N, C-alpha and C. Protein backbone atom coordinates (compact mmCIF):
# COMPACT_ATOMS: atom_id res chain seq x y z
N UNK A 1 -48.89 48.90 31.95
CA UNK A 1 -47.51 49.33 32.14
C UNK A 1 -47.03 49.00 33.55
N UNK A 2 -47.86 49.27 34.53
CA UNK A 2 -47.53 49.00 35.92
C UNK A 2 -47.23 47.53 36.13
N UNK A 3 -48.12 46.67 35.60
CA UNK A 3 -47.93 45.22 35.74
C UNK A 3 -46.67 44.78 35.00
N UNK A 4 -46.43 45.37 33.84
CA UNK A 4 -45.25 44.99 33.06
C UNK A 4 -43.98 45.30 33.83
N UNK A 5 -43.95 46.44 34.53
CA UNK A 5 -42.77 46.80 35.30
C UNK A 5 -42.54 45.83 36.45
N UNK A 6 -43.63 45.39 37.09
CA UNK A 6 -43.51 44.42 38.18
C UNK A 6 -42.88 43.13 37.67
N UNK A 7 -43.41 42.63 36.57
CA UNK A 7 -42.93 41.35 36.05
C UNK A 7 -41.51 41.47 35.52
N UNK A 8 -41.17 42.63 34.97
CA UNK A 8 -39.80 42.83 34.52
C UNK A 8 -38.84 42.79 35.71
N UNK A 9 -39.25 43.42 36.81
CA UNK A 9 -38.42 43.40 38.02
C UNK A 9 -38.25 41.98 38.54
N UNK A 10 -39.33 41.21 38.50
CA UNK A 10 -39.24 39.82 38.96
C UNK A 10 -38.30 39.01 38.10
N UNK A 11 -38.33 39.25 36.79
CA UNK A 11 -37.43 38.53 35.89
C UNK A 11 -35.98 38.89 36.17
N UNK A 12 -35.72 40.16 36.50
CA UNK A 12 -34.36 40.57 36.83
C UNK A 12 -33.88 39.91 38.10
N UNK A 13 -34.79 39.75 39.06
CA UNK A 13 -34.42 39.04 40.29
C UNK A 13 -33.93 37.65 39.95
N UNK A 14 -34.68 36.93 39.11
CA UNK A 14 -34.30 35.56 38.76
C UNK A 14 -32.94 35.53 38.08
N UNK A 15 -32.64 36.54 37.29
CA UNK A 15 -31.37 36.55 36.57
C UNK A 15 -30.20 36.91 37.47
N UNK A 16 -30.43 37.75 38.49
CA UNK A 16 -29.35 38.27 39.30
C UNK A 16 -28.98 37.35 40.45
N UNK A 17 -29.96 36.74 41.10
CA UNK A 17 -29.67 36.05 42.35
C UNK A 17 -29.04 34.69 42.16
N UNK A 18 -29.18 34.07 41.00
CA UNK A 18 -28.66 32.72 40.81
C UNK A 18 -27.18 32.77 40.51
N UNK A 19 -26.40 31.99 41.23
CA UNK A 19 -24.97 31.94 41.04
C UNK A 19 -24.56 30.59 40.49
N UNK A 20 -23.35 30.47 39.93
CA UNK A 20 -22.89 29.16 39.47
C UNK A 20 -22.86 28.18 40.61
N UNK A 21 -22.90 26.89 40.28
CA UNK A 21 -22.89 25.85 41.30
C UNK A 21 -24.29 25.50 41.69
N UNK A 22 -25.08 25.02 40.76
CA UNK A 22 -26.49 24.75 41.02
C UNK A 22 -26.66 23.68 42.05
N UNK A 23 -27.68 23.85 42.89
CA UNK A 23 -28.02 22.84 43.87
C UNK A 23 -28.89 21.78 43.23
N UNK A 24 -28.82 20.59 43.76
CA UNK A 24 -29.60 19.51 43.19
C UNK A 24 -31.03 19.56 43.69
N UNK A 25 -31.88 18.73 43.12
CA UNK A 25 -33.27 18.66 43.54
C UNK A 25 -33.35 17.89 44.85
N UNK A 26 -34.58 17.64 45.31
CA UNK A 26 -34.78 16.94 46.57
C UNK A 26 -34.07 15.59 46.56
N UNK A 27 -33.57 15.19 47.75
CA UNK A 27 -32.83 13.95 47.87
C UNK A 27 -33.49 13.05 48.90
N UNK A 28 -33.23 11.77 48.79
CA UNK A 28 -33.73 10.79 49.75
C UNK A 28 -32.70 10.60 50.85
N UNK A 29 -33.17 10.53 52.08
CA UNK A 29 -32.31 10.28 53.23
C UNK A 29 -32.98 9.25 54.13
N UNK A 30 -32.25 8.77 55.12
CA UNK A 30 -32.76 7.78 56.07
C UNK A 30 -32.49 8.27 57.48
N UNK A 31 -33.49 8.17 58.35
CA UNK A 31 -33.32 8.55 59.75
C UNK A 31 -32.47 7.51 60.46
N UNK A 32 -31.44 7.96 61.18
CA UNK A 32 -30.53 7.04 61.86
C UNK A 32 -31.00 6.70 63.27
N UNK A 33 -32.06 7.35 63.73
CA UNK A 33 -32.64 7.09 65.05
C UNK A 33 -34.05 7.63 65.05
N UNK A 34 -34.85 7.28 66.04
CA UNK A 34 -36.15 7.91 66.19
C UNK A 34 -35.92 9.41 66.42
N UNK A 35 -36.44 10.25 65.55
CA UNK A 35 -36.16 11.67 65.62
C UNK A 35 -37.43 12.46 65.36
N UNK A 36 -37.57 13.58 66.04
CA UNK A 36 -38.75 14.42 65.87
C UNK A 36 -38.61 15.33 64.65
N UNK A 37 -39.68 15.38 63.85
CA UNK A 37 -39.81 16.40 62.81
C UNK A 37 -40.53 17.58 63.45
N UNK A 38 -39.95 18.76 63.35
CA UNK A 38 -40.50 19.93 64.05
C UNK A 38 -40.94 21.01 63.07
N UNK A 39 -41.71 21.96 63.60
CA UNK A 39 -42.27 23.02 62.77
C UNK A 39 -41.26 24.12 62.45
N UNK A 40 -40.06 24.01 62.96
CA UNK A 40 -39.01 24.96 62.69
C UNK A 40 -37.66 24.36 63.01
N UNK A 41 -36.58 25.02 62.63
CA UNK A 41 -35.24 24.48 62.83
C UNK A 41 -34.71 24.70 64.25
N UNK A 42 -35.27 23.98 65.19
CA UNK A 42 -34.84 24.08 66.58
C UNK A 42 -35.70 23.20 67.46
N UNK A 43 -35.16 22.79 68.60
CA UNK A 43 -35.90 21.89 69.49
C UNK A 43 -37.03 22.58 70.24
N UNK A 44 -37.11 23.90 70.15
CA UNK A 44 -38.21 24.61 70.80
C UNK A 44 -39.49 24.64 70.00
N UNK A 45 -39.45 24.24 68.73
CA UNK A 45 -40.64 24.27 67.88
C UNK A 45 -41.50 23.03 68.10
N UNK A 46 -42.80 23.14 67.84
CA UNK A 46 -43.71 22.00 68.04
C UNK A 46 -43.31 20.79 67.18
N UNK A 47 -43.61 19.61 67.71
CA UNK A 47 -43.34 18.37 67.00
C UNK A 47 -44.47 18.09 66.00
N UNK A 48 -44.12 17.87 64.75
CA UNK A 48 -45.10 17.51 63.72
C UNK A 48 -45.40 16.02 63.79
N UNK A 49 -44.35 15.22 63.85
CA UNK A 49 -44.46 13.77 64.02
C UNK A 49 -43.08 13.23 64.34
N UNK A 50 -43.02 11.99 64.79
CA UNK A 50 -41.74 11.34 65.05
C UNK A 50 -41.40 10.42 63.89
N UNK A 51 -40.22 10.60 63.33
CA UNK A 51 -39.74 9.76 62.23
C UNK A 51 -39.00 8.57 62.84
N UNK A 52 -39.45 7.35 62.59
CA UNK A 52 -38.78 6.19 63.19
C UNK A 52 -37.43 5.89 62.55
N UNK A 53 -36.58 5.26 63.30
CA UNK A 53 -35.27 4.87 62.80
C UNK A 53 -35.41 4.01 61.54
N UNK A 54 -34.62 4.33 60.53
CA UNK A 54 -34.64 3.57 59.28
C UNK A 54 -35.67 4.03 58.28
N UNK A 55 -36.52 5.00 58.65
CA UNK A 55 -37.57 5.46 57.74
C UNK A 55 -36.98 6.36 56.65
N UNK A 56 -37.49 6.26 55.41
CA UNK A 56 -37.03 7.15 54.34
C UNK A 56 -37.62 8.55 54.50
N UNK A 57 -36.80 9.55 54.30
CA UNK A 57 -37.20 10.95 54.44
C UNK A 57 -36.81 11.70 53.17
N UNK A 58 -37.72 12.50 52.64
CA UNK A 58 -37.39 13.36 51.50
C UNK A 58 -36.84 14.67 52.03
N UNK A 59 -35.68 15.06 51.56
CA UNK A 59 -35.00 16.27 52.04
C UNK A 59 -34.93 17.29 50.91
N UNK A 60 -35.46 18.49 51.16
CA UNK A 60 -35.54 19.52 50.12
C UNK A 60 -34.41 20.53 50.17
N UNK A 61 -33.78 20.65 51.31
CA UNK A 61 -32.70 21.61 51.48
C UNK A 61 -32.36 21.74 52.94
N UNK A 62 -31.27 22.42 53.24
CA UNK A 62 -30.81 22.57 54.62
C UNK A 62 -30.40 24.02 54.87
N UNK A 63 -30.35 24.39 56.16
CA UNK A 63 -29.82 25.69 56.52
C UNK A 63 -28.36 25.79 56.08
N UNK A 64 -27.85 27.00 56.03
CA UNK A 64 -26.50 27.21 55.53
C UNK A 64 -25.44 26.45 56.32
N UNK A 65 -25.69 26.24 57.62
CA UNK A 65 -24.72 25.50 58.43
C UNK A 65 -25.02 24.01 58.49
N UNK A 66 -26.01 23.56 57.75
CA UNK A 66 -26.42 22.15 57.69
C UNK A 66 -26.76 21.58 59.07
N UNK A 67 -27.30 22.42 59.93
CA UNK A 67 -27.73 21.93 61.24
C UNK A 67 -29.13 21.31 61.18
N UNK A 68 -30.02 21.89 60.37
CA UNK A 68 -31.39 21.41 60.21
C UNK A 68 -31.74 21.39 58.73
N UNK A 69 -32.62 20.44 58.36
CA UNK A 69 -33.03 20.31 56.97
C UNK A 69 -34.56 20.31 56.85
N UNK A 70 -35.05 20.90 55.77
CA UNK A 70 -36.47 20.91 55.43
C UNK A 70 -36.83 19.56 54.81
N UNK A 71 -37.77 18.85 55.41
CA UNK A 71 -38.05 17.47 55.01
C UNK A 71 -39.55 17.20 54.93
N UNK A 72 -39.88 16.04 54.38
CA UNK A 72 -41.24 15.53 54.45
C UNK A 72 -41.19 14.04 54.75
N UNK A 73 -42.20 13.59 55.50
CA UNK A 73 -42.30 12.17 55.84
C UNK A 73 -43.76 11.87 56.19
N UNK A 74 -44.30 10.83 55.59
CA UNK A 74 -45.65 10.35 55.90
C UNK A 74 -46.68 11.48 55.84
N UNK A 75 -46.57 12.35 54.84
CA UNK A 75 -47.53 13.42 54.66
C UNK A 75 -47.27 14.67 55.47
N UNK A 76 -46.26 14.66 56.33
CA UNK A 76 -45.93 15.83 57.13
C UNK A 76 -44.76 16.58 56.54
N UNK A 77 -44.73 17.87 56.76
CA UNK A 77 -43.64 18.72 56.27
C UNK A 77 -43.04 19.45 57.47
N UNK A 78 -41.72 19.39 57.62
CA UNK A 78 -41.09 20.05 58.75
C UNK A 78 -39.59 19.89 58.74
N UNK A 79 -38.98 20.21 59.87
CA UNK A 79 -37.53 20.29 59.99
C UNK A 79 -36.99 19.18 60.87
N UNK A 80 -35.91 18.55 60.39
CA UNK A 80 -35.25 17.46 61.12
C UNK A 80 -33.77 17.82 61.26
N UNK A 81 -33.21 17.52 62.42
CA UNK A 81 -31.78 17.75 62.63
C UNK A 81 -30.97 16.92 61.63
N UNK A 82 -30.06 17.57 60.91
CA UNK A 82 -29.25 16.87 59.91
C UNK A 82 -28.38 15.79 60.53
N UNK A 83 -28.11 15.90 61.82
CA UNK A 83 -27.27 14.91 62.51
C UNK A 83 -27.89 13.52 62.45
N UNK A 84 -29.22 13.47 62.29
CA UNK A 84 -29.93 12.18 62.29
C UNK A 84 -30.36 11.75 60.89
N UNK A 85 -29.77 12.34 59.87
CA UNK A 85 -30.12 11.99 58.49
C UNK A 85 -28.89 11.49 57.74
N UNK A 86 -28.98 10.31 57.18
CA UNK A 86 -27.93 9.75 56.34
C UNK A 86 -28.42 9.62 54.91
N UNK A 87 -27.50 9.77 53.97
CA UNK A 87 -27.81 9.54 52.57
C UNK A 87 -26.59 8.91 51.90
N UNK A 88 -26.71 8.53 50.66
CA UNK A 88 -25.61 7.86 49.96
C UNK A 88 -25.07 8.79 48.87
N UNK A 89 -23.77 9.01 48.89
CA UNK A 89 -23.09 9.82 47.88
C UNK A 89 -21.95 9.00 47.30
N UNK A 90 -22.00 8.76 46.00
CA UNK A 90 -20.96 7.99 45.31
C UNK A 90 -20.72 6.64 45.97
N UNK A 91 -21.81 6.00 46.39
CA UNK A 91 -21.71 4.68 46.97
C UNK A 91 -21.33 4.65 48.44
N UNK A 92 -21.17 5.82 49.06
CA UNK A 92 -20.77 5.89 50.46
C UNK A 92 -21.89 6.52 51.28
N UNK A 93 -22.22 5.92 52.42
CA UNK A 93 -23.24 6.47 53.32
C UNK A 93 -22.63 7.60 54.14
N UNK A 94 -23.25 8.76 54.08
CA UNK A 94 -22.72 9.94 54.78
C UNK A 94 -23.86 10.66 55.49
N UNK A 95 -23.50 11.42 56.52
CA UNK A 95 -24.46 12.31 57.16
C UNK A 95 -24.77 13.46 56.21
N UNK A 96 -26.03 13.87 56.15
CA UNK A 96 -26.41 14.97 55.26
C UNK A 96 -25.58 16.21 55.59
N UNK A 97 -24.90 16.74 54.58
CA UNK A 97 -24.04 17.89 54.76
C UNK A 97 -23.68 18.49 53.42
N UNK A 98 -22.68 19.37 53.37
CA UNK A 98 -22.32 20.04 52.11
C UNK A 98 -22.00 19.08 50.97
N UNK A 99 -21.45 17.92 51.29
CA UNK A 99 -21.06 16.98 50.25
C UNK A 99 -22.27 16.47 49.45
N UNK A 100 -23.44 16.48 50.07
CA UNK A 100 -24.64 15.95 49.43
C UNK A 100 -25.12 16.86 48.30
N UNK A 101 -24.86 18.15 48.41
CA UNK A 101 -25.24 19.08 47.35
C UNK A 101 -26.68 19.54 47.39
N UNK A 102 -27.32 19.49 48.55
CA UNK A 102 -28.70 19.97 48.67
C UNK A 102 -28.75 21.50 48.62
N UNK A 103 -29.90 22.07 48.21
CA UNK A 103 -30.02 23.53 48.22
C UNK A 103 -29.91 24.09 49.63
N UNK A 104 -29.40 25.30 49.73
CA UNK A 104 -29.41 26.03 51.00
C UNK A 104 -30.74 26.77 51.08
N UNK A 105 -31.50 26.53 52.14
CA UNK A 105 -32.82 27.13 52.29
C UNK A 105 -32.89 27.90 53.60
N UNK A 106 -33.93 28.70 53.75
CA UNK A 106 -34.15 29.45 54.99
C UNK A 106 -35.53 29.13 55.54
N UNK A 107 -35.68 29.31 56.83
CA UNK A 107 -36.98 29.18 57.48
C UNK A 107 -37.59 30.56 57.56
N UNK A 108 -38.85 30.72 57.09
CA UNK A 108 -39.47 32.03 57.11
C UNK A 108 -40.94 31.92 57.49
N UNK A 109 -41.58 33.06 57.70
CA UNK A 109 -42.97 33.07 58.14
C UNK A 109 -43.91 32.52 57.07
N UNK A 110 -43.56 32.67 55.80
CA UNK A 110 -44.41 32.14 54.74
C UNK A 110 -44.45 30.61 54.80
N UNK A 111 -43.34 30.00 55.16
CA UNK A 111 -43.29 28.54 55.34
C UNK A 111 -44.29 28.14 56.43
N UNK A 112 -44.24 28.84 57.55
CA UNK A 112 -45.16 28.60 58.67
C UNK A 112 -46.61 28.74 58.21
N UNK A 113 -46.91 29.81 57.48
CA UNK A 113 -48.28 30.06 57.03
C UNK A 113 -48.76 29.01 56.03
N UNK A 114 -47.86 28.45 55.27
CA UNK A 114 -48.27 27.50 54.24
C UNK A 114 -48.58 26.12 54.81
N UNK A 115 -47.78 25.68 55.75
CA UNK A 115 -47.89 24.29 56.17
C UNK A 115 -48.58 24.05 57.51
N UNK A 116 -48.81 25.08 58.32
CA UNK A 116 -49.25 24.81 59.69
C UNK A 116 -50.55 25.49 60.11
N UNK A 117 -51.31 26.01 59.17
CA UNK A 117 -52.55 26.70 59.54
C UNK A 117 -53.56 25.78 60.22
N UNK A 118 -53.48 24.49 60.00
CA UNK A 118 -54.45 23.56 60.58
C UNK A 118 -54.08 23.10 61.99
N UNK A 119 -52.94 23.53 62.50
CA UNK A 119 -52.50 23.11 63.83
C UNK A 119 -52.96 24.11 64.89
N UNK A 120 -53.26 23.61 66.08
CA UNK A 120 -53.77 24.46 67.14
C UNK A 120 -52.80 25.53 67.60
N UNK A 121 -51.51 25.30 67.43
CA UNK A 121 -50.51 26.26 67.88
C UNK A 121 -50.12 27.26 66.80
N UNK A 122 -50.73 27.17 65.63
CA UNK A 122 -50.35 28.03 64.51
C UNK A 122 -50.42 29.52 64.87
N UNK A 123 -51.48 29.93 65.59
CA UNK A 123 -51.71 31.36 65.84
C UNK A 123 -50.64 32.00 66.71
N UNK A 124 -49.85 31.18 67.41
CA UNK A 124 -48.78 31.76 68.22
C UNK A 124 -47.67 32.36 67.34
N UNK A 125 -47.52 31.83 66.15
CA UNK A 125 -46.48 32.30 65.24
C UNK A 125 -45.13 31.70 65.55
N UNK A 126 -44.26 31.63 64.55
CA UNK A 126 -42.95 31.01 64.76
C UNK A 126 -42.07 31.74 65.76
N UNK A 127 -42.28 33.07 65.91
CA UNK A 127 -41.48 33.83 66.85
C UNK A 127 -41.72 33.44 68.30
N UNK A 128 -42.83 32.75 68.58
CA UNK A 128 -43.13 32.31 69.95
C UNK A 128 -42.20 31.18 70.37
N UNK A 129 -41.69 30.42 69.40
CA UNK A 129 -40.90 29.23 69.71
C UNK A 129 -39.41 29.41 69.43
N UNK A 130 -39.05 30.44 68.70
CA UNK A 130 -37.65 30.66 68.37
C UNK A 130 -37.46 32.07 67.88
N UNK A 131 -36.26 32.43 67.44
CA UNK A 131 -36.04 33.78 66.91
C UNK A 131 -36.99 34.06 65.75
N UNK A 132 -37.56 35.27 65.68
CA UNK A 132 -38.49 35.59 64.58
C UNK A 132 -37.81 35.38 63.23
N UNK A 133 -38.39 34.54 62.37
CA UNK A 133 -37.79 34.31 61.05
C UNK A 133 -38.12 35.44 60.10
N UNK A 134 -37.37 35.57 59.00
CA UNK A 134 -37.68 36.60 58.01
C UNK A 134 -38.92 36.24 57.22
N UNK A 135 -39.51 37.25 56.56
CA UNK A 135 -40.61 37.00 55.65
C UNK A 135 -40.03 36.52 54.32
N UNK A 136 -40.80 35.76 53.59
CA UNK A 136 -40.34 35.29 52.29
C UNK A 136 -41.17 34.13 51.82
N UNK A 137 -40.91 33.66 50.59
CA UNK A 137 -41.71 32.57 50.04
C UNK A 137 -41.32 31.24 50.64
N UNK A 138 -42.25 30.33 50.82
CA UNK A 138 -41.92 29.00 51.32
C UNK A 138 -41.34 28.13 50.23
N UNK A 139 -40.69 27.06 50.61
CA UNK A 139 -40.26 26.13 49.59
C UNK A 139 -41.44 25.48 48.92
N UNK A 140 -41.31 25.09 47.66
CA UNK A 140 -42.46 24.50 46.98
C UNK A 140 -42.82 23.14 47.55
N UNK A 141 -44.12 22.79 47.59
CA UNK A 141 -44.52 21.45 48.04
C UNK A 141 -44.10 20.40 47.04
N UNK A 142 -43.97 19.16 47.52
CA UNK A 142 -43.57 18.07 46.64
C UNK A 142 -44.79 17.22 46.35
N UNK A 143 -45.15 17.06 45.10
CA UNK A 143 -46.35 16.30 44.73
C UNK A 143 -46.03 15.22 43.71
N UNK A 144 -44.88 14.62 43.80
CA UNK A 144 -44.56 13.53 42.90
C UNK A 144 -43.97 13.97 41.57
N UNK A 145 -43.73 15.27 41.39
CA UNK A 145 -43.12 15.74 40.17
C UNK A 145 -41.61 15.76 40.33
N UNK A 146 -40.95 16.56 39.50
CA UNK A 146 -39.51 16.70 39.61
C UNK A 146 -39.15 18.14 39.35
N UNK A 147 -37.98 18.53 39.78
CA UNK A 147 -37.60 19.92 39.61
C UNK A 147 -36.13 20.14 39.88
N UNK A 148 -35.72 21.40 39.74
CA UNK A 148 -34.35 21.77 40.02
C UNK A 148 -34.34 23.20 40.51
N UNK A 149 -33.30 23.55 41.25
CA UNK A 149 -33.20 24.89 41.79
C UNK A 149 -31.75 25.33 41.86
N UNK A 150 -31.58 26.64 42.01
CA UNK A 150 -30.26 27.22 42.17
C UNK A 150 -30.34 28.31 43.22
N UNK A 151 -29.27 28.46 43.99
CA UNK A 151 -29.20 29.51 44.99
C UNK A 151 -27.91 30.30 44.81
N UNK A 152 -28.02 31.60 45.01
CA UNK A 152 -26.87 32.47 44.96
C UNK A 152 -26.77 33.26 46.25
N UNK A 153 -25.86 34.23 46.32
CA UNK A 153 -25.66 34.97 47.55
C UNK A 153 -26.85 35.82 47.97
N UNK A 154 -27.78 36.10 47.05
CA UNK A 154 -28.91 36.96 47.40
C UNK A 154 -30.26 36.27 47.33
N UNK A 155 -30.33 34.99 47.01
CA UNK A 155 -31.62 34.33 46.95
C UNK A 155 -31.59 33.06 46.14
N UNK A 156 -32.77 32.57 45.79
CA UNK A 156 -32.88 31.29 45.09
C UNK A 156 -33.91 31.38 43.96
N UNK A 157 -33.77 30.47 43.00
CA UNK A 157 -34.72 30.34 41.90
C UNK A 157 -34.83 28.87 41.55
N UNK A 158 -35.98 28.48 41.02
CA UNK A 158 -36.14 27.07 40.68
C UNK A 158 -37.36 26.83 39.82
N UNK A 159 -37.45 25.61 39.32
CA UNK A 159 -38.56 25.18 38.49
C UNK A 159 -38.98 23.78 38.90
N UNK A 160 -40.30 23.56 38.98
CA UNK A 160 -40.84 22.25 39.32
C UNK A 160 -41.83 21.85 38.23
N UNK A 161 -41.76 20.61 37.79
CA UNK A 161 -42.71 20.06 36.83
C UNK A 161 -43.56 19.01 37.52
N UNK A 162 -44.88 19.17 37.48
CA UNK A 162 -45.79 18.25 38.14
C UNK A 162 -45.98 16.97 37.36
N UNK A 163 -46.60 15.97 38.00
CA UNK A 163 -46.78 14.67 37.35
C UNK A 163 -47.70 14.71 36.14
N UNK A 164 -48.54 15.76 36.00
CA UNK A 164 -49.48 15.85 34.88
C UNK A 164 -49.04 16.86 33.83
N UNK A 165 -47.82 17.36 33.94
CA UNK A 165 -47.28 18.25 32.92
C UNK A 165 -47.31 19.72 33.26
N UNK A 166 -47.95 20.11 34.35
CA UNK A 166 -47.92 21.51 34.75
C UNK A 166 -46.54 21.90 35.26
N UNK A 167 -46.22 23.18 35.20
CA UNK A 167 -44.93 23.66 35.66
C UNK A 167 -45.09 24.88 36.57
N UNK A 168 -44.13 25.06 37.45
CA UNK A 168 -44.07 26.24 38.31
C UNK A 168 -42.62 26.68 38.39
N UNK A 169 -42.37 27.96 38.16
CA UNK A 169 -41.02 28.49 38.26
C UNK A 169 -41.08 29.83 38.97
N UNK A 170 -40.03 30.15 39.68
CA UNK A 170 -40.04 31.40 40.41
C UNK A 170 -38.67 31.72 40.98
N UNK A 171 -38.57 32.92 41.52
CA UNK A 171 -37.32 33.37 42.12
C UNK A 171 -37.64 34.39 43.20
N UNK A 172 -36.76 34.47 44.18
CA UNK A 172 -36.90 35.46 45.24
C UNK A 172 -35.52 35.83 45.73
N UNK A 173 -35.31 37.10 45.96
CA UNK A 173 -34.01 37.52 46.45
C UNK A 173 -34.08 38.85 47.16
N UNK A 174 -33.03 39.18 47.89
CA UNK A 174 -32.96 40.43 48.64
C UNK A 174 -31.63 41.12 48.35
N UNK A 175 -31.68 42.44 48.31
CA UNK A 175 -30.49 43.24 48.10
C UNK A 175 -30.46 44.42 49.05
N UNK A 176 -29.57 45.37 48.82
CA UNK A 176 -29.42 46.51 49.74
C UNK A 176 -30.68 47.35 49.88
N UNK A 177 -31.55 47.38 48.86
CA UNK A 177 -32.73 48.24 48.91
C UNK A 177 -34.02 47.50 49.20
N UNK A 178 -33.96 46.20 49.44
CA UNK A 178 -35.19 45.47 49.73
C UNK A 178 -35.20 44.11 49.07
N UNK A 179 -36.39 43.53 48.96
CA UNK A 179 -36.55 42.19 48.41
C UNK A 179 -37.57 42.20 47.27
N UNK A 180 -37.43 41.25 46.35
CA UNK A 180 -38.36 41.13 45.24
C UNK A 180 -38.45 39.67 44.82
N UNK A 181 -39.54 39.33 44.17
CA UNK A 181 -39.71 37.96 43.70
C UNK A 181 -40.76 37.90 42.62
N UNK A 182 -40.80 36.79 41.95
CA UNK A 182 -41.78 36.60 40.90
C UNK A 182 -41.85 35.15 40.50
N UNK A 183 -42.89 34.80 39.79
CA UNK A 183 -43.02 33.41 39.37
C UNK A 183 -44.13 33.23 38.36
N UNK A 184 -44.18 32.01 37.83
CA UNK A 184 -45.20 31.67 36.84
C UNK A 184 -45.60 30.22 37.05
N UNK A 185 -46.91 29.98 37.06
CA UNK A 185 -47.46 28.63 37.14
C UNK A 185 -48.27 28.38 35.87
N UNK A 186 -47.98 27.29 35.18
CA UNK A 186 -48.70 26.92 33.96
C UNK A 186 -49.33 25.56 34.16
N UNK A 187 -50.64 25.47 33.98
CA UNK A 187 -51.34 24.21 34.15
C UNK A 187 -51.19 23.31 32.95
N UNK A 188 -51.54 22.03 33.09
CA UNK A 188 -51.40 21.08 31.98
C UNK A 188 -52.27 21.42 30.78
N UNK A 189 -53.32 22.24 30.98
CA UNK A 189 -54.20 22.61 29.87
C UNK A 189 -53.85 23.96 29.25
N UNK A 190 -52.76 24.57 29.71
CA UNK A 190 -52.30 25.80 29.09
C UNK A 190 -52.62 27.07 29.85
N UNK A 191 -53.48 27.04 30.85
CA UNK A 191 -53.74 28.23 31.65
C UNK A 191 -52.51 28.59 32.47
N UNK A 192 -52.38 29.87 32.82
CA UNK A 192 -51.19 30.30 33.55
C UNK A 192 -51.52 31.44 34.51
N UNK A 193 -50.70 31.56 35.55
CA UNK A 193 -50.73 32.68 36.48
C UNK A 193 -49.31 33.20 36.60
N UNK A 194 -49.13 34.50 36.36
CA UNK A 194 -47.82 35.13 36.46
C UNK A 194 -47.92 36.28 37.45
N UNK A 195 -46.95 36.39 38.33
CA UNK A 195 -47.02 37.45 39.32
C UNK A 195 -45.65 37.88 39.79
N UNK A 196 -45.63 39.00 40.49
CA UNK A 196 -44.38 39.50 41.04
C UNK A 196 -44.65 40.45 42.17
N UNK A 197 -43.64 40.68 43.01
CA UNK A 197 -43.77 41.63 44.10
C UNK A 197 -42.39 42.19 44.42
N UNK A 198 -42.38 43.36 45.03
CA UNK A 198 -41.12 43.98 45.45
C UNK A 198 -41.39 44.84 46.67
N UNK A 199 -40.47 44.83 47.62
CA UNK A 199 -40.57 45.66 48.82
C UNK A 199 -39.28 46.45 48.99
N UNK A 200 -39.43 47.70 49.36
CA UNK A 200 -38.29 48.57 49.60
C UNK A 200 -38.54 49.45 50.81
N UNK A 201 -37.71 50.47 51.00
CA UNK A 201 -37.84 51.34 52.18
C UNK A 201 -39.18 52.06 52.26
N UNK A 202 -39.87 52.27 51.12
CA UNK A 202 -41.10 53.05 51.12
C UNK A 202 -42.37 52.21 51.04
N UNK A 203 -42.24 50.90 50.94
CA UNK A 203 -43.43 50.06 50.88
C UNK A 203 -43.27 48.89 49.94
N UNK A 204 -44.40 48.28 49.58
CA UNK A 204 -44.40 47.10 48.72
C UNK A 204 -45.38 47.29 47.57
N UNK A 205 -45.09 46.63 46.46
CA UNK A 205 -45.97 46.65 45.30
C UNK A 205 -45.97 45.25 44.70
N UNK A 206 -47.11 44.85 44.15
CA UNK A 206 -47.19 43.51 43.56
C UNK A 206 -48.42 43.38 42.69
N UNK A 207 -48.48 42.28 41.98
CA UNK A 207 -49.62 42.04 41.12
C UNK A 207 -49.53 40.69 40.46
N UNK A 208 -50.61 40.30 39.78
CA UNK A 208 -50.61 39.03 39.06
C UNK A 208 -51.49 39.12 37.82
N UNK A 209 -51.24 38.23 36.90
CA UNK A 209 -52.01 38.15 35.66
C UNK A 209 -52.40 36.70 35.44
N UNK A 210 -53.69 36.46 35.24
CA UNK A 210 -54.21 35.12 35.01
C UNK A 210 -54.66 35.01 33.55
N UNK A 211 -54.21 33.97 32.88
CA UNK A 211 -54.62 33.69 31.51
C UNK A 211 -55.24 32.30 31.48
N UNK A 212 -56.50 32.21 31.11
CA UNK A 212 -57.17 30.92 31.05
C UNK A 212 -56.78 30.12 29.82
N UNK A 213 -57.08 28.84 29.80
CA UNK A 213 -56.71 27.99 28.65
C UNK A 213 -57.36 28.43 27.35
N UNK A 214 -58.47 29.21 27.44
CA UNK A 214 -59.14 29.68 26.22
C UNK A 214 -58.77 31.12 25.87
N UNK A 215 -57.81 31.69 26.59
CA UNK A 215 -57.33 33.03 26.25
C UNK A 215 -57.88 34.16 27.09
N UNK A 216 -58.85 33.91 27.97
CA UNK A 216 -59.35 34.97 28.84
C UNK A 216 -58.28 35.42 29.83
N UNK A 217 -58.29 36.71 30.19
CA UNK A 217 -57.26 37.24 31.08
C UNK A 217 -57.89 38.03 32.22
N UNK A 218 -57.14 38.10 33.31
CA UNK A 218 -57.52 38.92 34.46
C UNK A 218 -56.24 39.42 35.10
N UNK A 219 -56.18 40.73 35.38
CA UNK A 219 -54.98 41.34 35.95
C UNK A 219 -55.34 42.10 37.22
N UNK A 220 -54.46 42.00 38.21
CA UNK A 220 -54.68 42.73 39.45
C UNK A 220 -53.35 43.24 39.97
N UNK A 221 -53.32 44.52 40.38
CA UNK A 221 -52.11 45.11 40.94
C UNK A 221 -52.48 45.85 42.22
N UNK A 222 -51.51 46.07 43.06
CA UNK A 222 -51.75 46.79 44.30
C UNK A 222 -50.44 47.13 44.98
N UNK A 223 -50.54 47.95 46.02
CA UNK A 223 -49.33 48.32 46.74
C UNK A 223 -49.65 48.87 48.11
N UNK A 224 -48.63 48.90 48.95
CA UNK A 224 -48.74 49.45 50.30
C UNK A 224 -47.56 50.38 50.52
N UNK A 225 -47.82 51.59 51.01
CA UNK A 225 -46.75 52.54 51.31
C UNK A 225 -46.69 52.78 52.80
N UNK A 226 -45.46 53.05 53.28
CA UNK A 226 -45.31 53.41 54.70
C UNK A 226 -44.22 54.47 54.86
């Protein structure tokens, strides 16, 4: 019952936070000059690598003001100033901005934890280099599959299909009483992991359920109060 309530809450998050006007999937862009890819949306964050002028860059989304975009290049994942990214819209080359239709994304501590644990400066945390970011789920990694996402005033939801047929879908959002999220990953052989979490003024609760391709299951729930 406890796990069912968690997953029901996660499903409600996905239904509530998505608004009309879906954002498109990742887009291709080109660097207009030699530009640094950084570990966060600002020049104070560590440099991941330098993207050379004319290099193709995959862009997953941008901050709400389109000042910085979440990108990948040559195996690295990080943030590039949108001023140095061009793409083509309806046959016209434009600077990456609202016209491109990319998802609006945020920089958060989960993003830092996902992509930068192998770097020597990781332990300093993102707050050492810029304003402390909020907690939340990172954007999904890109592994040659395809996907789509939608964002609303309280959060985002999306689905990604991998090159071998596996899928991942999830949602995360925040409201007046806290934040909640949930998702499901299904492998190409039929196994799945479903989970959800929610945080409010009194603490957090979450859990997951694993179903193997042969029908075996494992469930785990937990919570923290303060």
